[in-house]
Every structure is written in structure tokens, then in C-alpha cells.
């Protein structure tokens, strides 16, 4: 069902306001690890590739085997990315394991200027950062029905140690404490069953973007 409803820095300039009046506003989709948001987004993109697009993030890390510059990431140097941050070219940035990652204003414009809805798959700190900008996207939270279900899903991955499982569960609890505050998200999709959750997800998106013609799933 749906309910209406790692340090990051935000770019403080008037990011993207020049294109918001004539192109669809971006869509932020966030949720704790294990919520299934990436599965919903992949299904959405596979069914509606002409209506939606992902912004391509920048990173200072070295590309991995099989990754393509400009497709998987915009690979860049720390010096270049830090200069862009200082010029206010990024909506939000993060640093993980000594590498910078970020969503640039241009990467969002590249999608919206094609008339597509730009999907921003970011974590809760990224949501906080975006809210400090003038991007003005729609916000959708994806969550599981209960903490017990989240723990079951994380255990089922078979990749978590007892320590990492505890860390992820505690992180999810903290994220949801923020996410469920009034006004943080516009809509909440509860992912207990994938088929139902996806139908709800599409219904939410249709309500946000009535100009799109999305078939009922």
C-alpha cells in the first residue's frame, strides 16, 4: 500500500531553477537498505525507458572493469570535482572510502532537458542535502512493513555479518525516524509484496506526473 503524504554537503546556489518551469521536476526515491527501492526503480526503467532517466553521478574513484565513463559514472579527478563543488555545480556530494561521489546540476539537466523525469536514487543524507537546494523534486519513500521484515530480507542476502546486520538495522531505524517526520516525503510506498508495491509506486508517480500515461501494473 502507499501513503501520501559519509558526510554530505549541499550546493547552495539556485540549482536547476532555469529548467523546472518547462520540463518535469525530478523524482527523489529513497529508502533504507533492504527496502527494495532499487528493484522498483529498475522495473520502472525497464517498462518506461522513454519517460524516465537516471542522473549519472560523478566520482573520483577509478573505474572498475566493465564500467564506462559517462554511462556508469562520470569519472573525474578530486581536484576537478572539488573545484566544481566550490563553484556550486553539485546538488549533493558524499565521500566514501576516500573517494568523492556526487550528483551534479548538469547531470539532472541532461535528463530533464530530454523531457524525461530524472530519477534520483539517493540515501537519507542525500535527501537532507537536496532539501537545502532549490531543485524542488517530488519525494517518495520506500519502506518495508516492519523492522522484522527488514531483518529477514537482509539476512536472506547472505552477505551480512552479525556486525554489519546490526549496523544496517540501526541505520534504517535512524533514517526512518527522519523520513517519517511530516513534510519530509510527499508519498510513502510500503513494500511488503513486490507486485502490489510496484503498482502503488506507479500510481504515486502517475499522480505526481499526470501528463504521463503509465499503464496500471
C-alpha atoms as a PDB file:
ATOM      1  CA  UNK A   1       0.000   0.000   0.000  1.00  0.00           C
ATOM      2  CA  UNK A   2       1.094   3.584  -0.264  1.00  0.00           C
ATOM      3  CA  UNK A   3       0.559   6.555   1.982  1.00  0.00           C
ATOM      4  CA  UNK A   4       0.547  10.047   0.622  1.00  0.00           C
ATOM      5  CA  UNK A   5       1.896  12.004   2.451  1.00  0.00           C
ATOM      6  CA  UNK A   6      29.540   9.524   4.924  1.00  0.00           C
ATOM      7  CA  UNK A   7      29.325  13.313   5.180  1.00  0.00           C
ATOM      8  CA  UNK A   8      27.322  15.196   2.598  1.00  0.00           C
ATOM      9  CA  UNK A   9      27.367  18.799   1.513  1.00  0.00           C
ATOM     10  CA  UNK A  10      24.652  20.645  -0.366  1.00  0.00           C
ATOM     11  CA  UNK A  11      25.153  23.047  -3.214  1.00  0.00           C
ATOM     12  CA  UNK A  12      23.659  26.342  -2.083  1.00  0.00           C
ATOM     13  CA  UNK A  13      23.154  28.042  -5.442  1.00  0.00           C
ATOM     14  CA  UNK A  14      19.901  28.248  -7.391  1.00  0.00           C
ATOM     15  CA  UNK A  15      20.406  24.781  -8.763  1.00  0.00           C
ATOM     16  CA  UNK A  16      18.394  23.977 -11.811  1.00  0.00           C
ATOM     17  CA  UNK A  17      15.601  26.537 -11.452  1.00  0.00           C
ATOM     18  CA  UNK A  18      16.095  27.597 -15.064  1.00  0.00           C
ATOM     19  CA  UNK A  19      14.631  24.343 -16.396  1.00  0.00           C
ATOM     20  CA  UNK A  20      11.984  23.424 -13.861  1.00  0.00           C
ATOM     21  CA  UNK A  21       9.234  25.527 -15.421  1.00  0.00           C
ATOM     22  CA  UNK A  22       9.300  23.788 -18.812  1.00  0.00           C
ATOM     23  CA  UNK A  23      10.415  20.238 -18.003  1.00  0.00           C
ATOM     24  CA  UNK A  24       9.228  17.649 -15.467  1.00  0.00           C
ATOM     25  CA  UNK A  25      10.559  18.039 -11.971  1.00  0.00           C
ATOM     26  CA  UNK A  26      12.953  15.339 -10.719  1.00  0.00           C
ATOM     27  CA  UNK A  27      11.801  12.442  -8.560  1.00  0.00           C
ATOM     28  CA  UNK A  28      13.756  11.534  -5.429  1.00  0.00           C
ATOM     29  CA  UNK A  29      13.306   7.908  -4.363  1.00  0.00           C
ATOM     30  CA  UNK A  30      14.870   6.907  -1.055  1.00  0.00           C
ATOM     31  CA  UNK A  31      14.617   4.141   1.493  1.00  0.00           C
ATOM     32  CA  UNK A  32      16.728   2.050   3.853  1.00  0.00           C
ATOM     33  CA  UNK A  33      18.932  -0.722   2.533  1.00  0.00           C
ATOM     34  CA  UNK A  34      16.697  -3.747   2.020  1.00  0.00           C
ATOM     35  CA  UNK A  35      13.547  -1.733   1.291  1.00  0.00           C
ATOM     36  CA  UNK A  36      13.503  -2.806  -2.355  1.00  0.00           C
ATOM     37  CA  UNK A  37      13.627   0.677  -3.862  1.00  0.00           C
ATOM     38  CA  UNK A  38      16.290  -0.273  -6.395  1.00  0.00           C
ATOM     39  CA  UNK A  39      14.145  -3.187  -7.581  1.00  0.00           C
ATOM     40  CA  UNK A  40      11.172  -0.868  -8.069  1.00  0.00           C
ATOM     41  CA  UNK A  41      13.299   1.645  -9.949  1.00  0.00           C
ATOM     42  CA  UNK A  42      14.810  -0.992 -12.245  1.00  0.00           C
ATOM     43  CA  UNK A  43      11.342  -2.294 -13.087  1.00  0.00           C
ATOM     44  CA  UNK A  44      10.095   1.231 -13.741  1.00  0.00           C
ATOM     45  CA  UNK A  45      13.014   1.971 -16.065  1.00  0.00           C
ATOM     46  CA  UNK A  46      12.587  -1.315 -17.936  1.00  0.00           C
ATOM     47  CA  UNK A  47       8.908  -0.577 -18.613  1.00  0.00           C
ATOM     48  CA  UNK A  48       9.167   3.159 -19.292  1.00  0.00           C
ATOM     49  CA  UNK A  49      12.657   3.901 -20.659  1.00  0.00           C
ATOM     50  CA  UNK A  50      11.418   6.899 -22.663  1.00  0.00           C
ATOM     51  CA  UNK A  51       9.681   8.592 -19.737  1.00  0.00           C
ATOM     52  CA  UNK A  52      12.394   8.314 -17.062  1.00  0.00           C
ATOM     53  CA  UNK A  53      16.151   8.548 -16.767  1.00  0.00           C
ATOM     54  CA  UNK A  54      18.791   8.322 -14.073  1.00  0.00           C
ATOM     55  CA  UNK A  55      21.206  11.139 -13.435  1.00  0.00           C
ATOM     56  CA  UNK A  56      24.786   9.912 -13.857  1.00  0.00           C
ATOM     57  CA  UNK A  57      26.824  10.524 -10.713  1.00  0.00           C
ATOM     58  CA  UNK A  58      30.367  11.879 -10.612  1.00  0.00           C
ATOM     59  CA  UNK A  59      33.082  10.056  -8.702  1.00  0.00           C
ATOM     60  CA  UNK A  60      36.811  10.370  -8.101  1.00  0.00           C
ATOM     61  CA  UNK A  61      37.336   6.635  -7.765  1.00  0.00           C
ATOM     62  CA  UNK A  62      38.971   4.606 -10.512  1.00  0.00           C
ATOM     63  CA  UNK A  63      36.572   2.910 -12.904  1.00  0.00           C
ATOM     64  CA  UNK A  64      36.110  -0.818 -12.442  1.00  0.00           C
ATOM     65  CA  UNK A  65      36.282  -3.492 -15.121  1.00  0.00           C
ATOM     66  CA  UNK A  66      33.235  -3.209 -17.345  1.00  0.00           C
ATOM     67  CA  UNK A  67      32.337   0.340 -16.260  1.00  0.00           C
ATOM     68  CA  UNK A  68      32.106   3.059 -18.908  1.00  0.00           C
ATOM     69  CA  UNK A  69      32.773   6.740 -18.350  1.00  0.00           C
ATOM     70  CA  UNK A  70      29.609   8.753 -18.940  1.00  0.00           C
ATOM     71  CA  UNK A  71      27.421   5.666 -18.621  1.00  0.00           C
ATOM     72  CA  UNK A  72      28.056   4.159 -15.199  1.00  0.00           C
ATOM     73  CA  UNK A  73      29.677   7.271 -13.717  1.00  0.00           C
ATOM     74  CA  UNK A  74      31.374  10.464 -14.769  1.00  0.00           C
ATOM     75  CA  UNK A  75      34.900   9.589 -13.633  1.00  0.00           C
ATOM     76  CA  UNK A  76      36.898  12.640 -12.666  1.00  0.00           C
ATOM     77  CA  UNK A  77      39.796  13.815 -10.510  1.00  0.00           C
ATOM     78  CA  UNK A  78      39.451  15.012  -6.928  1.00  0.00           C
ATOM     79  CA  UNK A  79      40.860  18.388  -7.945  1.00  0.00           C
ATOM     80  CA  UNK A  80      38.292  18.835 -10.688  1.00  0.00           C
ATOM     81  CA  UNK A  81      35.377  17.669  -8.556  1.00  0.00           C
ATOM     82  CA  UNK A  82      36.337  19.820  -5.573  1.00  0.00           C
ATOM     83  CA  UNK A  83      36.544  22.811  -7.913  1.00  0.00           C
ATOM     84  CA  UNK A  84      33.045  22.026  -9.190  1.00  0.00           C
ATOM     85  CA  UNK A  85      31.739  21.739  -5.638  1.00  0.00           C
ATOM     86  CA  UNK A  86      33.217  25.104  -4.744  1.00  0.00           C
ATOM     87  CA  UNK A  87      31.504  26.630  -7.791  1.00  0.00           C
ATOM     88  CA  UNK A  88      28.151  25.252  -6.633  1.00  0.00           C
ATOM     89  CA  UNK A  89      27.798  22.774  -9.504  1.00  0.00           C
ATOM     90  CA  UNK A  90      26.642  19.863  -7.340  1.00  0.00           C
ATOM     91  CA  UNK A  91      23.275  19.208  -5.745  1.00  0.00           C
ATOM     92  CA  UNK A  92      24.805  16.868  -3.181  1.00  0.00           C
ATOM     93  CA  UNK A  93      28.122  15.140  -2.574  1.00  0.00           C
ATOM     94  CA  UNK A  94      29.464  12.405  -0.350  1.00  0.00           C
ATOM     95  CA  UNK A  95      32.802  10.842   0.499  1.00  0.00           C
ATOM     96  CA  UNK A  96      33.193   7.086   0.889  1.00  0.00           C
ATOM     97  CA  UNK A  97      36.477   5.258   1.400  1.00  0.00           C
ATOM     98  CA  UNK A  98      38.486   8.287   0.361  1.00  0.00           C
ATOM     99  CA  UNK A  99      36.547   8.883  -2.870  1.00  0.00           C
ATOM    100  CA  UNK A 100      34.078  11.655  -3.652  1.00  0.00           C
ATOM    101  CA  UNK A 101      30.651  10.945  -5.167  1.00  0.00           C
ATOM    102  CA  UNK A 102      28.041  13.474  -6.182  1.00  0.00           C
ATOM    103  CA  UNK A 103      25.023  14.467  -8.234  1.00  0.00           C
ATOM    104  CA  UNK A 104      25.667  17.470 -10.444  1.00  0.00           C
ATOM    105  CA  UNK A 105      23.129  20.013 -11.597  1.00  0.00           C
ATOM    106  CA  UNK A 106      24.158  19.281 -15.178  1.00  0.00           C
ATOM    107  CA  UNK A 107      23.529  15.540 -14.837  1.00  0.00           C
ATOM    108  CA  UNK A 108      19.950  16.255 -13.792  1.00  0.00           C
ATOM    109  CA  UNK A 109      19.536  18.803 -16.601  1.00  0.00           C
ATOM    110  CA  UNK A 110      20.811  16.249 -19.127  1.00  0.00           C
ATOM    111  CA  UNK A 111      17.785  14.081 -18.300  1.00  0.00           C
ATOM    112  CA  UNK A 112      15.085  16.708 -17.809  1.00  0.00           C
ATOM    113  CA  UNK A 113      16.000  18.625 -20.971  1.00  0.00           C
ATOM    114  CA  UNK A 114      15.054  15.483 -22.933  1.00  0.00           C
ATOM    115  CA  UNK A 115      11.577  15.768 -21.426  1.00  0.00           C
ATOM    116  CA  UNK A 116      12.166  12.809 -19.129  1.00  0.00           C
ATOM    117  CA  UNK A 117      11.622  12.594 -15.388  1.00  0.00           C
ATOM    118  CA  UNK A 118      15.026  12.463 -13.706  1.00  0.00           C
ATOM    119  CA  UNK A 119      15.214   9.739 -11.044  1.00  0.00           C
ATOM    120  CA  UNK A 120      17.446  10.430  -8.063  1.00  0.00           C
ATOM    121  CA  UNK A 121      18.197   7.243  -6.116  1.00  0.00           C
ATOM    122  CA  UNK A 122      19.854   8.686  -3.008  1.00  0.00           C
ATOM    123  CA  UNK A 123      20.220   7.946   0.693  1.00  0.00           C
ATOM    124  CA  UNK A 124      18.653   9.905   3.516  1.00  0.00           C
ATOM    125  CA  UNK A 125      21.631  12.222   3.922  1.00  0.00           C
ATOM    126  CA  UNK A 126      21.265  12.974   0.245  1.00  0.00           C
ATOM    127  CA  UNK A 127      17.610  13.833   0.850  1.00  0.00           C
ATOM    128  CA  UNK A 128      18.658  16.287   3.549  1.00  0.00           C
ATOM    129  CA  UNK A 129      21.123  17.862   1.138  1.00  0.00           C
ATOM    130  CA  UNK A 130      18.649  18.148  -1.740  1.00  0.00           C
ATOM    131  CA  UNK A 131      16.177  19.874   0.583  1.00  0.00           C
ATOM    132  CA  UNK A 132      18.743  22.641   1.086  1.00  0.00           C
ATOM    133  CA  UNK A 133      18.742  23.387  -2.643  1.00  0.00           C
ATOM    134  CA  UNK A 134      16.132  24.889  -4.956  1.00  0.00           C
ATOM    135  CA  UNK A 135      15.737  21.704  -7.012  1.00  0.00           C
ATOM    136  CA  UNK A 136      12.150  21.178  -5.755  1.00  0.00           C
ATOM    137  CA  UNK A 137      11.698  17.480  -6.666  1.00  0.00           C
ATOM    138  CA  UNK A 138       8.926  15.133  -5.621  1.00  0.00           C
ATOM    139  CA  UNK A 139       9.949  12.804  -2.774  1.00  0.00           C
ATOM    140  CA  UNK A 140       8.945   9.144  -2.487  1.00  0.00           C
ATOM    141  CA  UNK A 141       9.961   6.947   0.443  1.00  0.00           C
ATOM    142  CA  UNK A 142      10.064   3.162   0.046  1.00  0.00           C
ATOM    143  CA  UNK A 143       9.942   1.116   3.252  1.00  0.00           C
ATOM    144  CA  UNK A 144       9.141  -2.404   4.391  1.00  0.00           C
ATOM    145  CA  UNK A 145       6.144  -3.153   6.637  1.00  0.00           C
ATOM    146  CA  UNK A 146       8.195  -3.848   9.769  1.00  0.00           C
ATOM    147  CA  UNK A 147      11.668  -3.984  11.253  1.00  0.00           C
ATOM    148  CA  UNK A 148      11.324  -7.766  11.449  1.00  0.00           C
ATOM    149  CA  UNK A 149      10.723  -7.992   7.702  1.00  0.00           C
ATOM    150  CA  UNK A 150      13.716  -5.761   7.021  1.00  0.00           C
ATOM    151  CA  UNK A 151      15.930  -8.007   9.151  1.00  0.00           C
ATOM    152  CA  UNK A 152      14.617 -11.079   7.318  1.00  0.00           C
ATOM    153  CA  UNK A 153      15.471  -9.566   3.937  1.00  0.00           C
ATOM    154  CA  UNK A 154      18.944  -8.511   4.978  1.00  0.00           C
ATOM    155  CA  UNK A 155      19.676 -11.965   6.385  1.00  0.00           C
ATOM    156  CA  UNK A 156      18.377 -13.574   3.186  1.00  0.00           C
ATOM    157  CA  UNK A 157      21.051 -11.773   1.168  1.00  0.00           C
ATOM    158  CA  UNK A 158      23.667 -13.954   2.825  1.00  0.00           C
ATOM    159  CA  UNK A 159      26.192 -11.111   2.701  1.00  0.00           C
ATOM    160  CA  UNK A 160      25.804  -9.624   6.168  1.00  0.00           C
ATOM    161  CA  UNK A 161      27.940 -10.359   9.203  1.00  0.00           C
ATOM    162  CA  UNK A 162      26.301 -10.024  12.643  1.00  0.00           C
ATOM    163  CA  UNK A 163      28.059  -6.683  12.994  1.00  0.00           C
ATOM    164  CA  UNK A 164      27.044  -5.337   9.581  1.00  0.00           C
ATOM    165  CA  UNK A 165      23.467  -6.547  10.096  1.00  0.00           C
ATOM    166  CA  UNK A 166      23.230  -4.657  13.380  1.00  0.00           C
ATOM    167  CA  UNK A 167      24.728  -1.583  11.728  1.00  0.00           C
ATOM    168  CA  UNK A 168      22.241  -1.655   8.846  1.00  0.00           C
ATOM    169  CA  UNK A 169      19.246  -2.159  11.125  1.00  0.00           C
ATOM    170  CA  UNK A 170      20.303   0.707  13.383  1.00  0.00           C
ATOM    171  CA  UNK A 171      20.934   2.901  10.333  1.00  0.00           C
ATOM    172  CA  UNK A 172      17.493   2.068   8.938  1.00  0.00           C
ATOM    173  CA  UNK A 173      15.830   2.972  12.227  1.00  0.00           C
ATOM    174  CA  UNK A 174      17.591   6.331  12.313  1.00  0.00           C
ATOM    175  CA  UNK A 175      16.773   7.029   8.672  1.00  0.00           C
ATOM    176  CA  UNK A 176      13.085   6.290   9.159  1.00  0.00           C
ATOM    177  CA  UNK A 177      12.896   8.492  12.247  1.00  0.00           C
ATOM    178  CA  UNK A 178      13.831  11.365   9.970  1.00  0.00           C
ATOM    179  CA  UNK A 179      11.961  10.206   6.869  1.00  0.00           C
ATOM    180  CA  UNK A 180       8.596   9.800   8.594  1.00  0.00           C
ATOM    181  CA  UNK A 181       8.569  13.310  10.006  1.00  0.00           C
ATOM    182  CA  UNK A 182       5.734  15.367   8.500  1.00  0.00           C
ATOM    183  CA  UNK A 183       6.702  17.137   5.305  1.00  0.00           C
ATOM    184  CA  UNK A 184       9.910  15.231   4.590  1.00  0.00           C
ATOM    185  CA  UNK A 185       8.407  12.919   1.940  1.00  0.00           C
ATOM    186  CA  UNK A 186       5.403  13.515  -0.274  1.00  0.00           C
ATOM    187  CA  UNK A 187       4.499   9.834  -0.596  1.00  0.00           C
ATOM    188  CA  UNK A 188       5.343   6.557   1.154  1.00  0.00           C
ATOM    189  CA  UNK A 189       5.237   3.194  -0.612  1.00  0.00           C
ATOM    190  CA  UNK A 190       5.170   0.184   1.724  1.00  0.00           C
ATOM    191  CA  UNK A 191       6.909  -2.719   0.024  1.00  0.00           C
ATOM    192  CA  UNK A 192       5.536  -5.875   1.574  1.00  0.00           C
ATOM    193  CA  UNK A 193       4.781  -7.598  -1.736  1.00  0.00           C
ATOM    194  CA  UNK A 194       6.669  -6.600  -4.868  1.00  0.00           C
ATOM    195  CA  UNK A 195       3.729  -6.757  -7.265  1.00  0.00           C
ATOM    196  CA  UNK A 196       1.480  -4.671  -5.038  1.00  0.00           C
ATOM    197  CA  UNK A 197       4.272  -2.265  -4.122  1.00  0.00           C
ATOM    198  CA  UNK A 198       5.156  -1.691  -7.773  1.00  0.00           C
ATOM    199  CA  UNK A 199       1.521  -0.990  -8.681  1.00  0.00           C
ATOM    200  CA  UNK A 200       1.389   1.515  -5.808  1.00  0.00           C
ATOM    201  CA  UNK A 201       4.707   3.019  -6.891  1.00  0.00           C
ATOM    202  CA  UNK A 202       3.419   3.577 -10.430  1.00  0.00           C
ATOM    203  CA  UNK A 203       0.160   5.017  -9.071  1.00  0.00           C
ATOM    204  CA  UNK A 204       2.097   7.513  -6.968  1.00  0.00           C
ATOM    205  CA  UNK A 205       4.209   8.552  -9.942  1.00  0.00           C
ATOM    206  CA  UNK A 206       1.109   8.910 -12.128  1.00  0.00           C
ATOM    207  CA  UNK A 207      -0.402  11.239  -9.516  1.00  0.00           C
ATOM    208  CA  UNK A 208       2.754  13.370  -9.483  1.00  0.00           C
ATOM    209  CA  UNK A 209       3.112  13.442 -13.266  1.00  0.00           C
ATOM    210  CA  UNK A 210      -0.425  13.355 -14.711  1.00  0.00           C
ATOM    211  CA  UNK A 211       0.977  14.180 -18.163  1.00  0.00           C
ATOM    212  CA  UNK A 212       2.497  10.707 -18.328  1.00  0.00           C
ATOM    213  CA  UNK A 213       0.385   7.794 -19.490  1.00  0.00           C
ATOM    214  CA  UNK A 214       1.513   4.874 -17.346  1.00  0.00           C
ATOM    215  CA  UNK A 215      -0.378   1.611 -17.679  1.00  0.00           C
ATOM    216  CA  UNK A 216      -1.633   0.007 -14.485  1.00  0.00           C
ATOM    217  CA  UNK A 217       0.697  -2.798 -13.385  1.00  0.00           C
END
